[in-house]
């Protein structure tokens, strides 16, 4: 499950969810922050996922809609984003 929470190009907060997003379930599992980028390193979207190793946000939204080619997840310990 994942959802987009920020559209960097439009500069606004959004709520774009995967078809499987379940708000109640999301309250009971860890959420991992991610961001979607293009080849030039431009940030398109930020979001949260119930997995820290899923390409679903990239494959299901970022790539087909805006040509994003990279997903990075935020490392909870270092607080830095790392590419899969």
PDB file of N, CA and C in Angstrom:
ATOM      1  N   UNK A   1       0.839  -1.176   0.000  1.00  0.00           N
ATOM      2  CA  UNK A   1       0.000   0.000   0.000  1.00  0.00           C
ATOM      3  C   UNK A   1       0.886   1.242   0.000  1.00  0.00           C
ATOM      4  N   UNK A   2       0.454   2.234  -0.718  1.00  0.00           N
ATOM      5  CA  UNK A   2       1.200   3.485  -0.755  1.00  0.00           C
ATOM      6  C   UNK A   2       0.256   4.635  -1.064  1.00  0.00           C
ATOM      7  N   UNK A   3       0.735   5.853  -0.772  1.00  0.00           N
ATOM      8  CA  UNK A   3       0.007   7.039  -1.199  1.00  0.00           C
ATOM      9  C   UNK A   3       0.987   8.185  -1.405  1.00  0.00           C
ATOM     10  N   UNK A   4       0.679   9.018  -2.359  1.00  0.00           N
ATOM     11  CA  UNK A   4       1.446  10.226  -2.644  1.00  0.00           C
ATOM     12  C   UNK A   4       0.895  11.318  -1.728  1.00  0.00           C
ATOM     13  N   UNK A   5       1.801  12.049  -1.060  1.00  0.00           N
ATOM     14  CA  UNK A   5       1.355  13.082  -0.132  1.00  0.00           C
ATOM     15  C   UNK A   5       1.756  14.490  -0.567  1.00  0.00           C
ATOM     16  N   UNK A   6       2.746  14.604  -1.454  1.00  0.00           N
ATOM     17  CA  UNK A   6       3.189  15.937  -1.897  1.00  0.00           C
ATOM     18  C   UNK A   6       3.591  15.905  -3.357  1.00  0.00           C
ATOM     19  N   UNK A   7       3.084  16.856  -4.102  1.00  0.00           N
ATOM     20  CA  UNK A   7       3.431  17.051  -5.509  1.00  0.00           C
ATOM     21  C   UNK A   7       4.425  18.204  -5.558  1.00  0.00           C
ATOM     22  N   UNK A   8       5.676  17.916  -5.821  1.00  0.00           N
ATOM     23  CA  UNK A   8       6.725  18.940  -5.791  1.00  0.00           C
ATOM     24  C   UNK A   8       6.622  19.908  -6.968  1.00  0.00           C
ATOM     25  N   UNK A   9       6.174  19.453  -8.115  1.00  0.00           N
ATOM     26  CA  UNK A   9       6.080  20.327  -9.278  1.00  0.00           C
ATOM     27  C   UNK A   9       4.972  21.356  -9.112  1.00  0.00           C
ATOM     28  N   UNK A  10       3.870  20.948  -8.509  1.00  0.00           N
ATOM     29  CA  UNK A  10       2.756  21.863  -8.267  1.00  0.00           C
ATOM     30  C   UNK A  10       2.940  22.613  -6.954  1.00  0.00           C
ATOM     31  N   UNK A  11       3.846  22.107  -6.105  1.00  0.00           N
ATOM     32  CA  UNK A  11       4.109  22.747  -4.828  1.00  0.00           C
ATOM     33  C   UNK A  11       2.944  22.682  -3.866  1.00  0.00           C
ATOM     34  N   UNK A  12       2.262  21.546  -3.860  1.00  0.00           N
ATOM     35  CA  UNK A  12       1.111  21.448  -2.962  1.00  0.00           C
ATOM     36  C   UNK A  12       0.970  20.049  -2.386  1.00  0.00           C
ATOM     37  N   UNK A  13       0.240  19.983  -1.294  1.00  0.00           N
ATOM     38  CA  UNK A  13      -0.090  18.717  -0.655  1.00  0.00           C
ATOM     39  C   UNK A  13      -1.207  18.060  -1.447  1.00  0.00           C
ATOM     40  N   UNK A  14      -1.066  16.774  -1.708  1.00  0.00           N
ATOM     41  CA  UNK A  14      -2.076  16.029  -2.461  1.00  0.00           C
ATOM     42  C   UNK A  14      -2.363  14.725  -1.733  1.00  0.00           C
ATOM     43  N   UNK A  15      -3.370  14.032  -2.198  1.00  0.00           N
ATOM     44  CA  UNK A  15      -3.691  12.718  -1.634  1.00  0.00           C
ATOM     45  C   UNK A  15      -4.051  11.804  -2.793  1.00  0.00           C
ATOM     46  N   UNK A  16      -3.050  11.108  -3.291  1.00  0.00           N
ATOM     47  CA  UNK A  16      -3.234  10.159  -4.378  1.00  0.00           C
ATOM     48  C   UNK A  16      -2.883   8.793  -3.815  1.00  0.00           C
ATOM     49  N   UNK A  17      -3.852   7.902  -3.773  1.00  0.00           N
ATOM     50  CA  UNK A  17      -3.662   6.612  -3.112  1.00  0.00           C
ATOM     51  C   UNK A  17      -3.664   5.464  -4.104  1.00  0.00           C
ATOM     52  N   UNK A  18      -2.931   4.407  -3.732  1.00  0.00           N
ATOM     53  CA  UNK A  18      -3.018   3.173  -4.495  1.00  0.00           C
ATOM     54  C   UNK A  18      -4.404   2.582  -4.270  1.00  0.00           C
ATOM     55  N   UNK A  19      -4.827   1.738  -5.163  1.00  0.00           N
ATOM     56  CA  UNK A  19      -6.147   1.114  -5.029  1.00  0.00           C
ATOM     57  C   UNK A  19      -6.265   0.281  -3.763  1.00  0.00           C
ATOM     58  N   UNK A  20      -5.137  -0.155  -3.226  1.00  0.00           N
ATOM     59  CA  UNK A  20      -5.160  -1.027  -2.052  1.00  0.00           C
ATOM     60  C   UNK A  20      -4.997  -0.258  -0.740  1.00  0.00           C
ATOM     61  N   UNK A  21      -4.915   1.073  -0.786  1.00  0.00           N
ATOM     62  CA  UNK A  21      -4.694   1.847   0.433  1.00  0.00           C
ATOM     63  C   UNK A  21      -5.872   1.661   1.380  1.00  0.00           C
ATOM     64  N   UNK A  22      -5.550   1.355   2.624  1.00  0.00           N
ATOM     65  CA  UNK A  22      -6.551   1.144   3.666  1.00  0.00           C
ATOM     66  C   UNK A  22      -6.132   1.997   4.864  1.00  0.00           C
ATOM     67  N   UNK A  23      -6.845   3.067   5.093  1.00  0.00           N
ATOM     68  CA  UNK A  23      -6.481   4.021   6.146  1.00  0.00           C
ATOM     69  C   UNK A  23      -6.403   3.366   7.522  1.00  0.00           C
ATOM     70  N   UNK A  24      -7.315   2.470   7.826  1.00  0.00           N
ATOM     71  CA  UNK A  24      -7.309   1.798   9.135  1.00  0.00           C
ATOM     72  C   UNK A  24      -6.086   0.893   9.281  1.00  0.00           C
ATOM     73  N   UNK A  25      -5.762   0.147   8.235  1.00  0.00           N
ATOM     74  CA  UNK A  25      -4.586  -0.722   8.289  1.00  0.00           C
ATOM     75  C   UNK A  25      -3.311   0.113   8.395  1.00  0.00           C
ATOM     76  N   UNK A  26      -3.286   1.241   7.709  1.00  0.00           N
ATOM     77  CA  UNK A  26      -2.106   2.100   7.720  1.00  0.00           C
ATOM     78  C   UNK A  26      -1.803   2.630   9.121  1.00  0.00           C
ATOM     79  N   UNK A  27      -2.819   2.695   9.969  1.00  0.00           N
ATOM     80  CA  UNK A  27      -2.617   3.165  11.341  1.00  0.00           C
ATOM     81  C   UNK A  27      -1.937   2.118  12.214  1.00  0.00           C
ATOM     82  N   UNK A  28      -1.915   0.865  11.763  1.00  0.00           N
ATOM     83  CA  UNK A  28      -1.387  -0.222  12.589  1.00  0.00           C
ATOM     84  C   UNK A  28      -0.050  -0.782  12.111  1.00  0.00           C
ATOM     85  N   UNK A  29       0.460  -0.295  10.996  1.00  0.00           N
ATOM     86  CA  UNK A  29       1.730  -0.797  10.453  1.00  0.00           C
ATOM     87  C   UNK A  29       2.711   0.360  10.295  1.00  0.00           C
ATOM     88  N   UNK A  30       4.010   0.070  10.284  1.00  0.00           N
ATOM     89  CA  UNK A  30       4.986   1.141  10.052  1.00  0.00           C
ATOM     90  C   UNK A  30       4.808   1.720   8.654  1.00  0.00           C
ATOM     91  N   UNK A  31       5.011   3.023   8.537  1.00  0.00           N
ATOM     92  CA  UNK A  31       4.972   3.684   7.234  1.00  0.00           C
ATOM     93  C   UNK A  31       6.368   4.197   6.902  1.00  0.00           C
ATOM     94  N   UNK A  32       6.741   4.043   5.658  1.00  0.00           N
ATOM     95  CA  UNK A  32       8.068   4.433   5.184  1.00  0.00           C
ATOM     96  C   UNK A  32       7.923   5.568   4.176  1.00  0.00           C
ATOM     97  N   UNK A  33       8.703   6.597   4.359  1.00  0.00           N
ATOM     98  CA  UNK A  33       8.659   7.748   3.450  1.00  0.00           C
ATOM     99  C   UNK A  33       9.468   7.437   2.195  1.00  0.00           C
ATOM    100  N   UNK A  34       8.943   7.901   1.071  1.00  0.00           N
ATOM    101  CA  UNK A  34       9.668   7.750  -0.190  1.00  0.00           C
ATOM    102  C   UNK A  34       9.539   9.020  -1.011  1.00  0.00           C
ATOM    103  N   UNK A  35      10.372   9.103  -2.033  1.00  0.00           N
ATOM    104  CA  UNK A  35      10.238  10.177  -3.017  1.00  0.00           C
ATOM    105  C   UNK A  35      10.508   9.612  -4.392  1.00  0.00           C
ATOM    106  N   UNK A  36       9.871  10.214  -5.392  1.00  0.00           N
ATOM    107  CA  UNK A  36      10.014   9.793  -6.781  1.00  0.00           C
ATOM    108  C   UNK A  36      10.734  10.890  -7.553  1.00  0.00           C
ATOM    109  N   UNK A  37      11.732  10.480  -8.349  1.00  0.00           N
ATOM    110  CA  UNK A  37      12.562  11.425  -9.087  1.00  0.00           C
ATOM    111  C   UNK A  37      12.660  11.015 -10.549  1.00  0.00           C
ATOM    112  N   UNK A  38      13.102  11.959 -11.389  1.00  0.00           N
ATOM    113  CA  UNK A  38      13.373  11.622 -12.788  1.00  0.00           C
ATOM    114  C   UNK A  38      14.873  11.413 -12.978  1.00  0.00           C
ATOM    115  N   UNK A  39      15.309  11.189 -14.216  1.00  0.00           N
ATOM    116  CA  UNK A  39      16.736  10.915 -14.496  1.00  0.00           C
ATOM    117  C   UNK A  39      17.654  12.064 -14.094  1.00  0.00           C
ATOM    118  N   UNK A  40      17.111  13.284 -14.105  1.00  0.00           N
ATOM    119  CA  UNK A  40      17.917  14.458 -13.773  1.00  0.00           C
ATOM    120  C   UNK A  40      17.963  14.741 -12.276  1.00  0.00           C
ATOM    121  N   UNK A  41      17.323  13.883 -11.478  1.00  0.00           N
ATOM    122  CA  UNK A  41      17.323  14.069 -10.038  1.00  0.00           C
ATOM    123  C   UNK A  41      16.291  15.072  -9.546  1.00  0.00           C
ATOM    124  N   UNK A  42      15.348  15.432 -10.404  1.00  0.00           N
ATOM    125  CA  UNK A  42      14.291  16.360 -10.003  1.00  0.00           C
ATOM    126  C   UNK A  42      13.236  15.600  -9.215  1.00  0.00           C
ATOM    127  N   UNK A  43      12.900  16.118  -8.046  1.00  0.00           N
ATOM    128  CA  UNK A  43      11.888  15.484  -7.186  1.00  0.00           C
ATOM    129  C   UNK A  43      10.505  15.817  -7.721  1.00  0.00           C
ATOM    130  N   UNK A  44       9.712  14.782  -7.955  1.00  0.00           N
ATOM    131  CA  UNK A  44       8.349  14.969  -8.430  1.00  0.00           C
ATOM    132  C   UNK A  44       7.333  14.789  -7.312  1.00  0.00           C
ATOM    133  N   UNK A  45       7.509  13.732  -6.520  1.00  0.00           N
ATOM    134  CA  UNK A  45       6.521  13.402  -5.488  1.00  0.00           C
ATOM    135  C   UNK A  45       7.183  12.877  -4.223  1.00  0.00           C
ATOM    136  N   UNK A  46       6.505  13.094  -3.112  1.00  0.00           N
ATOM    137  CA  UNK A  46       6.819  12.450  -1.841  1.00  0.00           C
ATOM    138  C   UNK A  46       5.602  11.636  -1.437  1.00  0.00           C
ATOM    139  N   UNK A  47       5.837  10.587  -0.650  1.00  0.00           N
ATOM    140  CA  UNK A  47       4.720   9.783  -0.204  1.00  0.00           C
ATOM    141  C   UNK A  47       5.117   8.855   0.919  1.00  0.00           C
ATOM    142  N   UNK A  48       4.184   7.972   1.274  1.00  0.00           N
ATOM    143  CA  UNK A  48       4.425   6.959   2.296  1.00  0.00           C
ATOM    144  C   UNK A  48       3.970   5.604   1.771  1.00  0.00           C
ATOM    145  N   UNK A  49       4.628   4.569   2.274  1.00  0.00           N
ATOM    146  CA  UNK A  49       4.344   3.202   1.858  1.00  0.00           C
ATOM    147  C   UNK A  49       4.428   2.286   3.074  1.00  0.00           C
ATOM    148  N   UNK A  50       3.761   1.154   2.993  1.00  0.00           N
ATOM    149  CA  UNK A  50       3.847   0.178   4.074  1.00  0.00           C
ATOM    150  C   UNK A  50       5.041  -0.754   3.880  1.00  0.00           C
ATOM    151  N   UNK A  51       5.792  -0.539   2.808  1.00  0.00           N
ATOM    152  CA  UNK A  51       6.997  -1.323   2.544  1.00  0.00           C
ATOM    153  C   UNK A  51       8.146  -0.366   2.238  1.00  0.00           C
ATOM    154  N   UNK A  52       9.346  -0.726   2.647  1.00  0.00           N
ATOM    155  CA  UNK A  52      10.500   0.121   2.331  1.00  0.00           C
ATOM    156  C   UNK A  52      11.308  -0.430   1.158  1.00  0.00           C
ATOM    157  N   UNK A  53      10.705  -1.365   0.426  1.00  0.00           N
ATOM    158  CA  UNK A  53      11.434  -1.952  -0.704  1.00  0.00           C
ATOM    159  C   UNK A  53      10.510  -2.243  -1.891  1.00  0.00           C
ATOM    160  N   UNK A  54       9.457  -1.467  -2.021  1.00  0.00           N
ATOM    161  CA  UNK A  54       8.497  -1.697  -3.096  1.00  0.00           C
ATOM    162  C   UNK A  54       8.667  -0.653  -4.202  1.00  0.00           C
ATOM    163  N   UNK A  55       8.604  -1.118  -5.430  1.00  0.00           N
ATOM    164  CA  UNK A  55       8.637  -0.222  -6.581  1.00  0.00           C
ATOM    165  C   UNK A  55       7.231   0.186  -7.011  1.00  0.00           C
ATOM    166  N   UNK A  56       6.206  -0.250  -6.282  1.00  0.00           N
ATOM    167  CA  UNK A  56       4.810  -0.012  -6.671  1.00  0.00           C
ATOM    168  C   UNK A  56       4.482   1.466  -6.890  1.00  0.00           C
ATOM    169  N   UNK A  57       4.923   2.396  -6.034  1.00  0.00           N
ATOM    170  CA  UNK A  57       4.601   3.803  -6.295  1.00  0.00           C
ATOM    171  C   UNK A  57       5.223   4.312  -7.596  1.00  0.00           C
ATOM    172  N   UNK A  58       6.420   3.863  -7.882  1.00  0.00           N
ATOM    173  CA  UNK A  58       7.094   4.257  -9.118  1.00  0.00           C
ATOM    174  C   UNK A  58       6.402   3.642 -10.319  1.00  0.00           C
ATOM    175  N   UNK A  59       6.180   2.335 -10.268  1.00  0.00           N
ATOM    176  CA  UNK A  59       5.565   1.630 -11.395  1.00  0.00           C
ATOM    177  C   UNK A  59       4.103   2.002 -11.600  1.00  0.00           C
ATOM    178  N   UNK A  60       3.383   2.211 -10.504  1.00  0.00           N
ATOM    179  CA  UNK A  60       1.955   2.451 -10.604  1.00  0.00           C
ATOM    180  C   UNK A  60       1.557   3.899 -10.789  1.00  0.00           C
ATOM    181  N   UNK A  61       2.455   4.830 -10.469  1.00  0.00           N
ATOM    182  CA  UNK A  61       2.084   6.238 -10.580  1.00  0.00           C
ATOM    183  C   UNK A  61       3.173   7.117 -11.200  1.00  0.00           C
ATOM    184  N   UNK A  62       4.353   7.137 -10.601  1.00  0.00           N
ATOM    185  CA  UNK A  62       5.400   8.059 -11.042  1.00  0.00           C
ATOM    186  C   UNK A  62       5.877   7.872 -12.461  1.00  0.00           C
ATOM    187  N   UNK A  63       6.156   6.634 -12.848  1.00  0.00           N
ATOM    188  CA  UNK A  63       6.661   6.379 -14.207  1.00  0.00           C
ATOM    189  C   UNK A  63       5.604   6.632 -15.279  1.00  0.00           C
ATOM    190  N   UNK A  64       4.411   6.059 -15.164  1.00  0.00           N
ATOM    191  CA  UNK A  64       3.441   6.261 -16.243  1.00  0.00           C
ATOM    192  C   UNK A  64       2.896   7.687 -16.334  1.00  0.00           C
ATOM    193  N   UNK A  65       2.826   8.415 -15.234  1.00  0.00           N
ATOM    194  CA  UNK A  65       2.244   9.755 -15.264  1.00  0.00           C
ATOM    195  C   UNK A  65       3.246  10.856 -15.576  1.00  0.00           C
ATOM    196  N   UNK A  66       4.475  10.715 -15.099  1.00  0.00           N
ATOM    197  CA  UNK A  66       5.435  11.806 -15.257  1.00  0.00           C
ATOM    198  C   UNK A  66       6.828  11.385 -15.687  1.00  0.00           C
ATOM    199  N   UNK A  67       7.025  10.117 -15.968  1.00  0.00           N
ATOM    200  CA  UNK A  67       8.335   9.667 -16.418  1.00  0.00           C
ATOM    201  C   UNK A  67       9.367   9.538 -15.318  1.00  0.00           C
ATOM    202  N   UNK A  68       8.923   9.392 -14.072  1.00  0.00           N
ATOM    203  CA  UNK A  68       9.875   9.188 -12.975  1.00  0.00           C
ATOM    204  C   UNK A  68      10.616   7.876 -13.205  1.00  0.00           C
ATOM    205  N   UNK A  69      11.878   7.857 -12.848  1.00  0.00           N
ATOM    206  CA  UNK A  69      12.706   6.677 -13.083  1.00  0.00           C
ATOM    207  C   UNK A  69      13.362   6.137 -11.817  1.00  0.00           C
ATOM    208  N   UNK A  70      13.187   6.818 -10.692  1.00  0.00           N
ATOM    209  CA  UNK A  70      13.888   6.426  -9.476  1.00  0.00           C
ATOM    210  C   UNK A  70      12.980   6.608  -8.266  1.00  0.00           C
ATOM    211  N   UNK A  71      13.045   5.635  -7.364  1.00  0.00           N
ATOM    212  CA  UNK A  71      12.365   5.757  -6.073  1.00  0.00           C
ATOM    213  C   UNK A  71      13.409   5.639  -4.982  1.00  0.00           C
ATOM    214  N   UNK A  72      13.319   6.534  -4.004  1.00  0.00           N
ATOM    215  CA  UNK A  72      14.224   6.511  -2.861  1.00  0.00           C
ATOM    216  C   UNK A  72      13.391   6.438  -1.587  1.00  0.00           C
ATOM    217  N   UNK A  73      13.832   5.594  -0.660  1.00  0.00           N
ATOM    218  CA  UNK A  73      13.170   5.474   0.642  1.00  0.00           C
ATOM    219  C   UNK A  73      14.042   6.124   1.700  1.00  0.00           C
ATOM    220  N   UNK A  74      13.401   6.741   2.675  1.00  0.00           N
ATOM    221  CA  UNK A  74      14.114   7.403   3.759  1.00  0.00           C
ATOM    222  C   UNK A  74      14.565   6.368   4.782  1.00  0.00           C
ATOM    223  N   UNK A  75      15.850   6.376   5.068  1.00  0.00           N
ATOM    224  CA  UNK A  75      16.426   5.489   6.069  1.00  0.00           C
ATOM    225  C   UNK A  75      16.105   6.068   7.449  1.00  0.00           C
ATOM    226  N   UNK A  76      15.429   5.290   8.277  1.00  0.00           N
ATOM    227  CA  UNK A  76      14.992   5.767   9.585  1.00  0.00           C
ATOM    228  C   UNK A  76      16.163   6.119  10.497  1.00  0.00           C
ATOM    229  N   UNK A  77      17.275   5.437  10.339  1.00  0.00           N
ATOM    230  CA  UNK A  77      18.428   5.691  11.219  1.00  0.00           C
ATOM    231  C   UNK A  77      19.224   6.917  10.777  1.00  0.00           C
ATOM    232  N   UNK A  78      19.535   6.999   9.487  1.00  0.00           N
ATOM    233  CA  UNK A  78      20.354   8.113   8.994  1.00  0.00           C
ATOM    234  C   UNK A  78      19.513   9.314   8.583  1.00  0.00           C
ATOM    235  N   UNK A  79      18.203   9.089   8.372  1.00  0.00           N
ATOM    236  CA  UNK A  79      17.264  10.120   7.937  1.00  0.00           C
ATOM    237  C   UNK A  79      17.586  10.649   6.543  1.00  0.00           C
ATOM    238  N   UNK A  80      18.326   9.849   5.764  1.00  0.00           N
ATOM    239  CA  UNK A  80      18.657  10.222   4.398  1.00  0.00           C
ATOM    240  C   UNK A  80      17.911   9.304   3.447  1.00  0.00           C
ATOM    241  N   UNK A  81      17.606   9.824   2.262  1.00  0.00           N
ATOM    242  CA  UNK A  81      16.922   9.005   1.252  1.00  0.00           C
ATOM    243  C   UNK A  81      17.946   8.153   0.511  1.00  0.00           C
ATOM    244  N   UNK A  82      17.574   6.890   0.281  1.00  0.00           N
ATOM    245  CA  UNK A  82      18.471   5.946  -0.396  1.00  0.00           C
ATOM    246  C   UNK A  82      17.710   5.285  -1.541  1.00  0.00           C
ATOM    247  N   UNK A  83      18.359   5.191  -2.689  1.00  0.00           N
ATOM    248  CA  UNK A  83      17.742   4.559  -3.860  1.00  0.00           C
ATOM    249  C   UNK A  83      17.642   3.055  -3.680  1.00  0.00           C
ATOM    250  N   UNK A  84      16.594   2.491  -4.236  1.00  0.00           N
ATOM    251  CA  UNK A  84      16.457   1.019  -4.230  1.00  0.00           C
ATOM    252  C   UNK A  84      17.359   0.437  -5.292  1.00  0.00           C
TER     253      UNK A  84
END
